[in-house]
C-alpha atoms as a PDB file:
ATOM      1  CA  GLY A   1       3.283  -1.963  -3.663  1.00  0.00           C
ATOM      2  CA  PHE A   2       2.730   1.056  -5.912  1.00  0.00           C
ATOM      3  CA  PRO A   3       3.889   4.575  -6.396  1.00  0.00           C
ATOM      4  CA  VAL A   4       1.371   7.257  -5.501  1.00  0.00           C
ATOM      5  CA  TRP A   5       0.290   9.142  -8.553  1.00  0.00           C
ATOM      6  CA  ALA A   6      -1.729  12.141  -7.535  1.00  0.00           C
ATOM      7  CA  GLY A   7      -3.338  10.583  -4.375  1.00  0.00           C
ATOM      8  CA  ASN A   8      -4.303   7.526  -6.534  1.00  0.00           C
ATOM      9  CA  ILE A   9      -3.059   3.954  -6.989  1.00  0.00           C
ATOM     10  CA  THR A  10      -1.633   3.337 -10.294  1.00  0.00           C
ATOM     11  CA  PRO A  11      -3.826   1.771 -13.352  1.00  0.00           C
ATOM     12  CA  PRO A  12      -2.044  -1.644 -13.234  1.00  0.00           C
ATOM     13  CA  ILE A  13      -2.996  -2.113  -9.487  1.00  0.00           C
ATOM     14  CA  ARG A  14      -6.512  -0.839 -10.205  1.00  0.00           C
ATOM     15  CA  THR A  15      -6.953  -3.300 -13.004  1.00  0.00           C
ATOM     16  CA  PHE A  16      -5.375  -6.382 -10.969  1.00  0.00           C
ATOM     17  CA  VAL A  17      -7.874  -5.415  -8.009  1.00  0.00           C
ATOM     18  CA  ASN A  18     -10.789  -5.157 -10.464  1.00  0.00           C
ATOM     19  CA  ASP A  19      -9.961  -8.291 -12.348  1.00  0.00           C
ATOM     20  CA  ASN A  20      -9.473 -10.300  -9.027  1.00  0.00           C
ATOM     21  CA  LEU A  21     -11.968  -8.700  -6.659  1.00  0.00           C
ATOM     22  CA  GLU A  22     -13.804 -11.866  -5.866  1.00  0.00           C
ATOM     23  CA  SER A  23     -10.722 -13.635  -4.760  1.00  0.00           C
ATOM     24  CA  LEU A  24      -9.269 -10.862  -2.810  1.00  0.00           C
ATOM     25  CA  LYS A  25     -12.487 -10.318  -0.484  1.00  0.00           C
ATOM     26  CA  GLU A  26     -11.348 -12.995   2.027  1.00  0.00           C
ATOM     27  CA  LYS A  27      -7.604 -12.460   1.635  1.00  0.00           C
ATOM     28  CA  LYS A  28      -5.424 -10.338   4.108  1.00  0.00           C
ATOM     29  CA  ILE A  29      -3.901  -7.571   2.307  1.00  0.00           C
ATOM     30  CA  ALA A  30      -0.858  -5.561   3.069  1.00  0.00           C
ATOM     31  CA  ALA A  31       0.233  -2.646   0.707  1.00  0.00           C
ATOM     32  CA  PHE A  32       3.248  -0.226   0.549  1.00  0.00           C
ATOM     33  CA  ALA A  33       3.444   3.032  -1.381  1.00  0.00           C
ATOM     34  CA  CYS A  34       6.179   5.321  -2.450  1.00  0.00           C
ATOM     35  CA  GLN A  35       5.501   9.046  -2.992  1.00  0.00           C
ATOM     36  CA  SER A  36       7.415  12.199  -3.470  1.00  0.00           C
ATOM     37  CA  GLY A  37       5.131  14.405  -1.561  1.00  0.00           C
ATOM     38  CA  SER A  38       1.611  13.240  -0.223  1.00  0.00           C
ATOM     39  CA  GLY A  39      -1.268  11.242  -1.218  1.00  0.00           C
ATOM     40  CA  ALA A  40      -0.629   7.821   0.046  1.00  0.00           C
ATOM     41  CA  ASP A  41      -3.548   8.100   2.618  1.00  0.00           C
ATOM     42  CA  LYS A  42      -5.894   8.825  -0.141  1.00  0.00           C
ATOM     43  CA  ALA A  43      -4.440   6.028  -2.332  1.00  0.00           C
ATOM     44  CA  PHE A  44      -4.987   3.618   0.567  1.00  0.00           C
ATOM     45  CA  LYS A  45      -8.546   4.785   1.127  1.00  0.00           C
ATOM     46  CA  ARG A  46      -9.370   4.312  -2.547  1.00  0.00           C
ATOM     47  CA  LEU A  47      -7.732   0.855  -2.480  1.00  0.00           C
ATOM     48  CA  ASN A  48      -9.779   0.082   0.498  1.00  0.00           C
ATOM     49  CA  ASP A  49     -12.931   1.354  -1.164  1.00  0.00           C
ATOM     50  CA  MET A  50     -12.203  -0.827  -4.120  1.00  0.00           C
ATOM     51  CA  LEU A  51     -12.054  -3.785  -1.838  1.00  0.00           C
ATOM     52  CA  ASN A  52     -14.978  -2.805   0.068  1.00  0.00           C
ATOM     53  CA  ARG A  53     -12.839  -2.781   3.419  1.00  0.00           C
ATOM     54  CA  ASP A  54     -12.516  -0.284   6.250  1.00  0.00           C
ATOM     55  CA  LYS A  55      -8.789  -0.659   6.229  1.00  0.00           C
ATOM     56  CA  LEU A  56      -5.752  -2.802   4.901  1.00  0.00           C
ATOM     57  CA  ASP A  57      -4.139  -5.331   7.136  1.00  0.00           C
ATOM     58  CA  ALA A  58      -0.714  -3.574   6.964  1.00  0.00           C
ATOM     59  CA  THR A  59       0.476  -0.420   5.174  1.00  0.00           C
ATOM     60  CA  LEU A  60       3.842   1.311   4.802  1.00  0.00           C
ATOM     61  CA  VAL A  61       4.520   4.763   3.306  1.00  0.00           C
ATOM     62  CA  LEU A  62       8.029   5.599   2.057  1.00  0.00           C
ATOM     63  CA  ILE A  63       8.484   9.208   0.944  1.00  0.00           C
ATOM     64  CA  ASP A  64      11.072   9.436  -2.004  1.00  0.00           C
ATOM     65  CA  PRO A  65      13.206   6.469  -0.772  1.00  0.00           C
ATOM     66  CA  LYS A  66      15.437   6.357  -3.727  1.00  0.00           C
ATOM     67  CA  ASP A  67      16.343   9.968  -3.981  1.00  0.00           C
ATOM     68  CA  ARG A  68      15.991  10.849  -0.192  1.00  0.00           C
ATOM     69  CA  PRO A  69      16.846   7.800   1.735  1.00  0.00           C
ATOM     70  CA  LYS A  70      16.273   8.101   5.524  1.00  0.00           C
ATOM     71  CA  SER A  71      17.742   6.012   8.264  1.00  0.00           C
ATOM     72  CA  GLU A  72      14.241   5.348   9.763  1.00  0.00           C
ATOM     73  CA  ASN A  73      13.185   3.780   6.639  1.00  0.00           C
ATOM     74  CA  GLU A  74      14.953   0.411   7.319  1.00  0.00           C
ATOM     75  CA  ASN A  75      13.049   0.370  10.813  1.00  0.00           C
ATOM     76  CA  MET A  76       9.710   1.111   8.979  1.00  0.00           C
ATOM     77  CA  ILE A  77      10.346  -1.637   6.383  1.00  0.00           C
ATOM     78  CA  LYS A  78      11.137  -4.167   9.029  1.00  0.00           C
ATOM     79  CA  GLU A  79       8.104  -3.311  11.238  1.00  0.00           C
ATOM     80  CA  PHE A  80       5.980  -3.619   7.914  1.00  0.00           C
ATOM     81  CA  CYS A  81       7.488  -6.982   7.114  1.00  0.00           C
ATOM     82  CA  ASP A  82       6.902  -8.153  10.544  1.00  0.00           C
ATOM     83  CA  LYS A  83       3.332  -7.262  10.282  1.00  0.00           C
ATOM     84  CA  VAL A  84       3.166  -9.130   6.912  1.00  0.00           C
ATOM     85  CA  GLU A  85       4.644 -12.192   8.465  1.00  0.00           C
ATOM     86  CA  LEU A  86       2.121 -12.258  11.306  1.00  0.00           C
ATOM     87  CA  LEU A  87      -0.769 -12.265   8.823  1.00  0.00           C
ATOM     88  CA  GLN A  88       0.182 -15.677   7.467  1.00  0.00           C
END
């Protein structure tokens, strides 16, 4: 999981992926992002590009979940967790 910074993944995530690229190639990968506005789609695309994939196995985007919580967030989180559980 990561916050979206100007449509990009954060430097620690980028470093982790670069340092572990070989071992991540065959892994199933799920990611969630928190953002205040927009940009998660771009960030996920950049992550996919780094991993040389068409798409991640599961994704979740939460918009400002701390400052503007929404009732539907709980359902979205549950759906994401259910997808992740099926990946195992």
